[in-house]
Amino acid sequence: MQLRRSVVVVLALLVIGVVFVYLAAPYGRAALLFVRVADVGGRVEAFADARARRISVQPPHVVPTRHGEVQAQFYRPDGSFRRSVLLVPGVHSMGIAEPRLTALARDLAGSGVAVMAMALPDLMGYQITGRSADVIEDAVAWMATHDDLARDGRVGIIGVSFAGGLSIVAAGRPALRDKVAFVVSFGGHGDLERVLQYLATGEAVKAPGIDTHPPHDYGVAVILYAAADRVVPADQVAPLREGIRTFLYASQLTLVDLAQANATFAEAREMVNALPEPSATYLRYVNERNVKALGPILVPHLGLEADPAASPERAPSVPSAPVFLLHGDGDTVIPTAESAVLGDYLRSKGVDVHVLISQIITHAELDRSAAAMEVWRLIAFWTDVLRR
């Protein structure tokens, strides 16, 4: 989440007021969580940090699933806790070591929630498949059998990006009907094929009051990686994927080490020279972030890339637990309208759905009056989640 410094004073007054009025209530807990996640700095964040629960980060362990053992890691608050959650990141090769994931896991645990962070092997390998929903299902079922994690036999699920939609698919499975306390989809999808079409063409599903923004170049690189065996000769697939993987890793490094990221971007550019055509051109498009040139090449293959089992709107059943859909209003990877349309679909199926489209978690410019209301809406959203 990113906040403009111009709204920090408004945020501080709002948060301090909430904390003093609702100190022992969920609003205070959600407000303090928001301040830590937003990373506003200064006295406000110091105030929130001082009131966070101490946590212990346990060594990584493995969770048994039908597709093999999957690595996970616990973040436990000191003392007792009422709820555990499974926290699942999106498409990222760093898995449970991804810095934003570890920061969110710590912040949630500091709010008194036990967290098991688990990365999905397919998403780590740039593949969005129904197998990932299987892994989530098996992980939740595993957690629910442990009395120290699920005293009432239920756990929460928080999925980020594509893991958000996959979490809703898993939560709707009959085997989890009584094992899920809630599902949060943070920037998730309703229909995978729709999202792939958007990433390749810029055309998104329409929803009232929601604008469509040009897609991020990261998306077409991921699609090309998965579809490489259909767009280049067989002997070019592995070297093309290696070049794309290098570019994607460089993109991820920009959040960790900019100098290393730039060196890795340069490596990806150099790899073009060793490739035959058409792979050389395709990797050049990736390096140049040329969505307009690469998108039309990928469009004929999108139907094969969109696994129906990975889409909540195509799943045979819906969750019985409450579903919370949180989306930034300027999302350029999974368009914002996906959460709005998915919310309508789930509501039509009788699901208890809560949708928040937020300006705060985008790069949009905010004025002070709008920021105060947006902060309150986000705090109220997480208050509802944390009390489940």
Protein backbone atom coordinates (compact mmCIF):
# COMPACT_ATOMS: atom_id res chain seq x y z
CA MET A 1 0.00 0.00 0.00
CA GLN A 2 1.24 3.46 -0.84
CA LEU A 3 0.09 6.70 0.77
CA ARG A 4 0.85 10.24 -0.32
CA ARG A 5 2.68 12.17 2.37
CA SER A 6 0.00 14.85 2.07
CA VAL A 7 -2.50 12.58 3.79
CA VAL A 8 -0.28 11.48 6.69
CA VAL A 9 -1.59 14.18 9.06
CA VAL A 10 -5.18 13.23 8.29
CA LEU A 11 -4.29 9.57 8.74
CA ALA A 12 -2.60 10.24 12.07
CA LEU A 13 -5.57 12.11 13.50
CA LEU A 14 -8.00 9.48 12.30
CA VAL A 15 -5.98 6.55 13.58
CA ILE A 16 -5.26 8.09 16.97
CA GLY A 17 -8.94 8.93 17.39
CA VAL A 18 -9.99 5.41 16.49
CA VAL A 19 -7.43 3.84 18.80
CA PHE A 20 -8.47 5.87 21.81
CA VAL A 21 -12.19 5.39 21.23
CA TYR A 22 -11.99 1.70 20.35
CA LEU A 23 -8.78 0.65 22.07
CA ALA A 24 -10.10 -2.73 23.19
CA ALA A 25 -12.23 -3.30 20.09
CA PRO A 26 -11.51 -4.66 16.60
CA TYR A 27 -11.44 -1.13 15.15
CA GLY A 28 -8.32 -0.33 17.12
CA ARG A 29 -6.66 -3.55 16.02
CA ALA A 30 -7.49 -2.91 12.35
CA ALA A 31 -6.34 0.72 12.57
CA LEU A 32 -2.98 -0.28 14.00
CA LEU A 33 -2.62 -3.03 11.38
CA PHE A 34 -3.35 -0.48 8.65
CA VAL A 35 -0.67 1.92 9.93
CA ARG A 36 1.97 -0.81 10.01
CA VAL A 37 1.12 -2.14 6.54
CA ALA A 38 0.95 1.38 5.06
CA ASP A 39 4.46 2.10 6.38
CA VAL A 40 3.75 5.80 6.98
CA GLY A 41 6.71 6.20 9.33
CA GLY A 42 7.11 8.77 12.11
CA ARG A 43 5.31 8.83 15.43
CA VAL A 44 2.11 7.27 14.10
CA GLU A 45 3.89 4.11 12.96
CA ALA A 46 5.99 4.05 16.11
CA PHE A 47 2.76 4.18 18.13
CA ALA A 48 1.36 1.25 16.14
CA ASP A 49 4.58 -0.77 16.38
CA ALA A 50 4.72 -0.32 20.14
CA ARG A 51 1.25 -1.85 20.46
CA ALA A 52 1.81 -4.79 18.12
CA ARG A 53 2.03 -8.25 19.62
CA ARG A 54 5.49 -9.78 19.79
CA ILE A 55 5.78 -12.55 17.23
CA SER A 56 7.89 -15.63 16.68
CA VAL A 57 8.88 -16.64 13.16
CA GLN A 58 9.27 -20.39 13.08
CA PRO A 59 11.59 -22.34 10.75
CA PRO A 60 10.06 -23.32 7.40
CA HIS A 61 8.18 -26.61 7.35
CA VAL A 62 6.36 -28.64 4.70
CA VAL A 63 2.64 -29.24 4.25
CA PRO A 64 1.48 -32.49 2.62
CA THR A 65 -0.76 -32.02 -0.43
CA ARG A 66 -1.99 -34.25 -3.26
CA HIS A 67 0.64 -32.62 -5.50
CA GLY A 68 3.53 -33.17 -3.11
CA GLU A 69 4.97 -31.40 -0.09
CA VAL A 70 4.81 -27.60 -0.16
CA GLN A 71 6.99 -25.30 1.90
CA ALA A 72 5.33 -23.01 4.43
CA GLN A 73 6.25 -20.88 7.44
CA PHE A 74 4.45 -19.92 10.65
CA TYR A 75 4.31 -16.42 12.14
CA ARG A 76 2.81 -16.75 15.63
CA PRO A 77 1.86 -13.94 18.01
CA ASP A 78 3.00 -14.38 21.58
CA GLY A 79 0.26 -15.55 23.91
CA SER A 80 -3.14 -16.81 22.88
CA PHE A 81 -4.87 -16.14 19.56
CA ARG A 82 -8.37 -16.82 18.31
CA ARG A 83 -7.81 -17.29 14.59
CA SER A 84 -5.20 -18.67 12.21
CA VAL A 85 -4.98 -17.71 8.55
CA LEU A 86 -3.38 -19.20 5.48
CA LEU A 87 -1.59 -16.39 3.61
CA VAL A 88 -0.86 -17.13 -0.06
CA PRO A 89 1.13 -14.84 -2.40
CA GLY A 90 0.65 -14.40 -6.13
CA VAL A 91 2.98 -15.02 -9.06
CA HIS A 92 6.49 -14.63 -7.66
CA SER A 93 9.53 -16.89 -7.82
CA MET A 94 10.79 -16.00 -4.32
CA GLY A 95 7.94 -17.86 -2.66
CA ILE A 96 7.65 -17.49 1.11
CA ALA A 97 10.83 -15.39 1.16
CA GLU A 98 9.26 -12.59 -0.92
CA PRO A 99 9.76 -9.38 1.11
CA ARG A 100 6.21 -8.01 0.80
CA LEU A 101 4.77 -11.36 1.86
CA THR A 102 7.00 -11.64 4.93
CA ALA A 103 6.17 -8.05 5.91
CA LEU A 104 2.41 -8.68 5.62
CA ALA A 105 2.71 -11.94 7.56
CA ARG A 106 4.53 -10.13 10.38
CA ASP A 107 1.98 -7.30 10.45
CA LEU A 108 -0.95 -9.70 10.59
CA ALA A 109 0.69 -11.75 13.34
CA GLY A 110 1.38 -8.56 15.25
CA SER A 111 -2.38 -7.99 15.22
CA GLY A 112 -2.94 -11.23 17.10
CA VAL A 113 -3.54 -13.57 14.15
CA ALA A 114 -1.47 -16.73 13.66
CA VAL A 115 -0.26 -16.83 10.06
CA MET A 116 0.92 -19.70 7.90
CA ALA A 117 2.51 -18.26 4.76
CA MET A 118 2.60 -20.74 1.89
CA ALA A 119 3.66 -20.11 -1.71
CA LEU A 120 2.05 -22.12 -4.50
CA PRO A 121 4.60 -24.07 -6.59
CA ASP A 122 2.82 -23.39 -9.88
CA LEU A 123 2.66 -19.64 -9.25
CA MET A 124 6.35 -19.67 -8.31
CA GLY A 125 6.92 -21.22 -11.74
CA TYR A 126 4.75 -18.62 -13.53
CA GLN A 127 1.83 -20.98 -14.12
CA ILE A 128 -1.78 -20.24 -13.07
CA THR A 129 -3.56 -23.57 -12.78
CA GLY A 130 -6.34 -25.36 -10.95
CA ARG A 131 -3.67 -27.44 -9.22
CA SER A 132 -2.98 -24.42 -7.04
CA ALA A 133 -6.57 -24.50 -5.76
CA ASP A 134 -5.97 -28.15 -4.85
CA VAL A 135 -2.90 -27.15 -2.83
CA ILE A 136 -4.82 -24.42 -1.00
CA GLU A 137 -7.65 -26.86 -0.25
CA ASP A 138 -5.24 -29.43 1.16
CA ALA A 139 -3.35 -26.85 3.22
CA VAL A 140 -6.54 -25.51 4.82
CA ALA A 141 -7.72 -29.05 5.58
CA TRP A 142 -4.31 -29.78 7.16
CA MET A 143 -4.44 -26.64 9.32
CA ALA A 144 -8.01 -27.38 10.40
CA THR A 145 -6.95 -30.70 11.91
CA HIS A 146 -4.52 -29.01 14.31
CA ASP A 147 -6.28 -27.90 17.50
CA ASP A 148 -3.58 -25.34 18.25
CA LEU A 149 -4.30 -23.61 14.91
CA ALA A 150 -8.06 -24.08 14.56
CA ARG A 151 -9.78 -24.27 17.91
CA ASP A 152 -13.19 -24.13 16.25
CA GLY A 153 -12.06 -26.26 13.31
CA ARG A 154 -11.89 -23.28 10.94
CA VAL A 155 -9.15 -21.08 9.48
CA GLY A 156 -9.14 -17.93 7.38
CA ILE A 157 -7.61 -17.62 3.90
CA ILE A 158 -5.94 -14.50 2.50
CA GLY A 159 -4.89 -14.76 -1.14
CA VAL A 160 -2.96 -12.04 -2.96
CA SER A 161 -3.31 -11.35 -6.70
CA PHE A 162 -4.04 -14.57 -8.63
CA ALA A 163 -3.91 -16.50 -5.36
CA GLY A 164 -6.99 -14.48 -4.34
CA GLY A 165 -9.19 -16.01 -7.01
CA LEU A 166 -7.64 -19.43 -6.45
CA SER A 167 -8.42 -19.15 -2.72
CA ILE A 168 -12.10 -18.54 -3.49
CA VAL A 169 -12.12 -21.60 -5.76
CA ALA A 170 -10.61 -23.72 -2.98
CA ALA A 171 -12.93 -22.33 -0.29
CA GLY A 172 -15.93 -23.37 -2.37
CA ARG A 173 -14.88 -27.02 -2.46
CA PRO A 174 -17.25 -29.33 -0.51
CA ALA A 175 -14.34 -30.66 1.59
CA LEU A 176 -13.80 -27.18 3.08
CA ARG A 177 -17.43 -26.21 3.61
CA ASP A 178 -17.10 -26.20 7.43
CA LYS A 179 -13.37 -25.47 7.66
CA VAL A 180 -13.13 -21.88 6.37
CA ALA A 181 -13.87 -18.86 8.59
CA PHE A 182 -13.48 -16.30 5.79
CA VAL A 183 -11.70 -15.68 2.50
CA VAL A 184 -9.93 -12.43 1.56
CA SER A 185 -9.02 -11.91 -2.09
CA PHE A 186 -6.59 -9.00 -2.36
CA GLY A 187 -6.52 -7.88 -6.00
CA GLY A 188 -7.78 -11.25 -7.23
CA HIS A 189 -9.57 -12.44 -10.35
CA GLY A 190 -13.04 -13.75 -11.13
CA ASP A 191 -12.34 -15.25 -14.53
CA LEU A 192 -8.78 -16.11 -15.59
CA GLU A 193 -9.41 -15.99 -19.33
CA ARG A 194 -10.89 -12.48 -19.00
CA VAL A 195 -7.76 -11.33 -17.19
CA LEU A 196 -5.42 -12.87 -19.76
CA GLN A 197 -7.39 -11.12 -22.50
CA TYR A 198 -6.96 -7.84 -20.64
CA LEU A 199 -3.21 -8.34 -20.22
CA ALA A 200 -2.80 -9.04 -23.93
CA THR A 201 -5.28 -6.52 -25.37
CA GLY A 202 -6.01 -3.92 -22.69
CA GLU A 203 -9.74 -4.76 -22.84
CA ALA A 204 -11.28 -5.55 -19.45
CA VAL A 205 -14.75 -6.50 -18.26
CA LYS A 206 -16.89 -3.45 -17.55
CA ALA A 207 -18.29 -2.46 -14.17
CA PRO A 208 -20.16 0.76 -13.27
CA GLY A 209 -17.92 3.56 -12.06
CA ILE A 210 -14.66 1.64 -12.60
CA ASP A 211 -12.08 2.76 -15.15
CA THR A 212 -9.81 0.43 -17.12
CA HIS A 213 -6.09 1.26 -17.18
CA PRO A 214 -3.44 0.03 -19.67
CA PRO A 215 -2.07 -3.37 -18.59
CA HIS A 216 1.29 -3.86 -16.90
CA ASP A 217 3.99 -5.45 -19.07
CA TYR A 218 4.72 -8.09 -16.41
CA GLY A 219 1.52 -9.89 -17.41
CA VAL A 220 2.38 -10.59 -21.05
CA ALA A 221 5.83 -11.80 -20.00
CA VAL A 222 4.22 -14.36 -17.70
CA ILE A 223 1.79 -15.45 -20.45
CA LEU A 224 4.62 -15.82 -22.98
CA TYR A 225 6.61 -17.90 -20.49
CA ALA A 226 3.70 -20.35 -20.13
CA ALA A 227 2.83 -20.36 -23.85
CA ALA A 228 6.39 -20.59 -25.18
CA ASP A 229 5.91 -24.19 -26.34
CA ARG A 230 3.12 -23.01 -28.63
CA VAL A 231 4.68 -19.87 -30.11
CA VAL A 232 8.27 -20.95 -30.91
CA PRO A 233 9.86 -24.18 -32.25
CA ALA A 234 10.54 -26.90 -29.69
CA ASP A 235 14.30 -26.34 -29.61
CA GLN A 236 13.76 -22.66 -28.73
CA VAL A 237 11.37 -23.13 -25.80
CA ALA A 238 13.91 -23.65 -23.02
CA PRO A 239 16.27 -20.77 -23.97
CA LEU A 240 13.34 -18.38 -24.49
CA ARG A 241 11.91 -19.28 -21.09
CA GLU A 242 15.32 -18.79 -19.51
CA GLY A 243 15.46 -15.27 -20.95
CA ILE A 244 11.93 -14.45 -19.76
CA ARG A 245 12.69 -15.91 -16.32
CA THR A 246 15.75 -13.67 -16.10
CA PHE A 247 13.66 -10.59 -16.94
CA LEU A 248 10.95 -11.51 -14.43
CA TYR A 249 13.53 -12.12 -11.71
CA ALA A 250 15.05 -8.71 -12.44
CA SER A 251 11.59 -7.15 -12.07
CA GLN A 252 11.21 -8.81 -8.68
CA LEU A 253 14.66 -7.62 -7.58
CA THR A 254 13.65 -3.97 -8.05
CA LEU A 255 11.95 -4.23 -4.63
CA VAL A 256 15.04 -5.69 -2.99
CA ASP A 257 18.28 -4.52 -4.65
CA LEU A 258 18.07 -2.00 -7.50
CA ALA A 259 21.71 -2.41 -8.53
CA GLN A 260 21.33 -6.18 -8.81
CA ALA A 261 18.03 -5.68 -10.64
CA ASN A 262 19.65 -3.46 -13.25
CA ALA A 263 22.48 -5.95 -13.73
CA THR A 264 19.95 -8.74 -14.22
CA PHE A 265 17.94 -6.66 -16.70
CA ALA A 266 21.18 -6.16 -18.65
CA GLU A 267 21.73 -9.93 -18.60
CA ALA A 268 18.26 -10.48 -20.05
CA ARG A 269 18.97 -7.98 -22.83
CA GLU A 270 22.26 -9.70 -23.62
CA MET A 271 20.51 -13.08 -23.90
CA VAL A 272 18.63 -11.83 -26.97
CA ASN A 273 21.84 -12.02 -28.99
CA ALA A 274 22.16 -15.77 -28.45
CA LEU A 275 18.61 -16.60 -29.58
CA PRO A 276 17.41 -17.49 -33.09
CA GLU A 277 14.22 -16.03 -34.53
CA PRO A 278 11.43 -15.73 -33.56
CA SER A 279 12.60 -16.12 -29.94
CA ALA A 280 15.04 -13.22 -30.22
CA THR A 281 12.26 -10.84 -31.26
CA TYR A 282 9.90 -12.08 -28.58
CA LEU A 283 12.48 -11.68 -25.81
CA ARG A 284 13.31 -8.24 -27.16
CA TYR A 285 9.63 -7.31 -26.83
CA VAL A 286 9.72 -8.54 -23.23
CA ASN A 287 12.83 -6.51 -22.43
CA GLU A 288 11.35 -3.43 -24.08
CA ARG A 289 8.05 -3.94 -22.20
CA ASN A 290 6.31 -3.81 -25.56
CA VAL A 291 2.81 -5.01 -24.68
CA LYS A 292 1.31 -3.74 -27.95
CA ALA A 293 3.65 -5.88 -30.07
CA LEU A 294 3.60 -8.99 -27.88
CA GLY A 295 -0.12 -9.02 -27.02
CA PRO A 296 -1.44 -9.93 -30.53
CA ILE A 297 1.04 -12.82 -30.74
CA LEU A 298 -0.40 -14.29 -27.54
CA VAL A 299 -4.13 -13.75 -28.15
CA PRO A 300 -4.66 -16.97 -30.20
CA HIS A 301 -3.25 -19.02 -27.30
CA LEU A 302 -5.09 -17.47 -24.36
CA GLY A 303 -7.91 -20.00 -24.32
CA LEU A 304 -5.44 -22.83 -23.83
CA GLU A 305 -3.63 -20.94 -21.06
CA ALA A 306 -6.79 -20.21 -19.05
CA ASP A 307 -7.45 -23.27 -16.92
CA PRO A 308 -11.21 -23.18 -16.12
CA ALA A 309 -10.48 -24.81 -12.75
CA ALA A 310 -8.58 -21.66 -11.74
CA SER A 311 -11.56 -19.29 -12.05
CA PRO A 312 -14.07 -18.65 -9.22
CA GLU A 313 -16.83 -17.79 -11.69
CA ARG A 314 -16.41 -21.19 -13.37
CA ALA A 315 -16.13 -23.25 -10.19
CA PRO A 316 -18.90 -25.81 -9.59
CA SER A 317 -19.58 -24.51 -6.07
CA VAL A 318 -19.11 -21.30 -4.09
CA PRO A 319 -17.84 -20.68 -0.54
CA SER A 320 -20.24 -20.92 2.38
CA ALA A 321 -17.92 -18.64 4.40
CA PRO A 322 -17.92 -14.83 4.05
CA VAL A 323 -15.84 -13.54 1.13
CA PHE A 324 -13.97 -10.21 1.26
CA LEU A 325 -12.84 -8.70 -2.05
CA LEU A 326 -10.28 -5.89 -1.76
CA HIS A 327 -8.97 -4.22 -4.92
CA GLY A 328 -7.04 -1.08 -5.79
CA ASP A 329 -8.89 1.22 -8.16
CA GLY A 330 -5.93 1.51 -10.54
CA ASP A 331 -4.80 -2.12 -10.75
CA THR A 332 -2.94 -2.84 -14.01
CA VAL A 333 -2.27 -6.56 -13.52
CA ILE A 334 -5.73 -7.82 -12.59
CA PRO A 335 -8.23 -5.11 -13.55
CA THR A 336 -10.28 -3.61 -10.74
CA ALA A 337 -13.57 -4.55 -12.37
CA GLU A 338 -12.77 -8.23 -11.74
CA SER A 339 -13.58 -7.87 -8.03
CA ALA A 340 -16.74 -5.86 -8.71
CA VAL A 341 -18.07 -8.41 -11.21
CA LEU A 342 -17.00 -11.35 -9.05
CA GLY A 343 -18.78 -9.78 -6.08
CA ASP A 344 -22.02 -9.56 -8.06
CA TYR A 345 -21.65 -13.16 -9.21
CA LEU A 346 -21.02 -14.55 -5.72
CA ARG A 347 -23.86 -12.47 -4.27
CA SER A 348 -26.21 -13.96 -6.87
CA LYS A 349 -25.22 -17.38 -5.54
CA GLY A 350 -26.11 -16.43 -1.97
CA VAL A 351 -22.58 -15.78 -0.70
CA ASP A 352 -21.99 -13.20 2.04
CA VAL A 353 -19.75 -10.85 0.04
CA HIS A 354 -17.98 -7.63 1.07
CA VAL A 355 -16.33 -5.58 -1.70
CA LEU A 356 -14.00 -2.61 -1.24
CA ILE A 357 -12.47 -0.75 -4.18
CA SER A 358 -9.83 1.47 -2.59
CA GLN A 359 -7.91 4.47 -3.84
CA ILE A 360 -5.31 4.11 -1.11
CA ILE A 361 -3.69 0.98 -2.46
CA THR A 362 -2.95 2.51 -5.87
CA HIS A 363 -0.66 5.22 -7.23
CA ALA A 364 -3.63 7.59 -7.71
CA GLU A 365 -3.43 11.14 -6.49
CA LEU A 366 -5.57 11.80 -3.42
CA ASP A 367 -6.83 14.95 -1.80
CA ARG A 368 -7.04 15.21 1.98
CA SER A 369 -10.81 15.03 2.33
CA ALA A 370 -11.01 11.94 0.13
CA ALA A 371 -8.07 10.32 1.91
CA ALA A 372 -9.70 10.52 5.34
CA MET A 373 -12.81 8.69 4.13
CA GLU A 374 -10.73 6.14 2.21
CA VAL A 375 -8.64 5.41 5.31
CA TRP A 376 -11.78 4.86 7.37
CA ARG A 377 -13.29 2.52 4.76
CA LEU A 378 -10.14 0.41 4.69
CA ILE A 379 -10.00 0.24 8.49
CA ALA A 380 -13.66 -0.79 8.63
CA PHE A 381 -13.03 -3.47 6.00
CA TRP A 382 -10.20 -5.07 7.99
CA THR A 383 -12.15 -4.69 11.21
CA ASP A 384 -14.84 -6.90 9.71
CA VAL A 385 -12.22 -9.44 8.61
CA LEU A 386 -10.39 -9.57 11.95
CA ARG A 387 -13.50 -10.10 14.03
CA ARG A 388 -14.41 -13.32 12.15
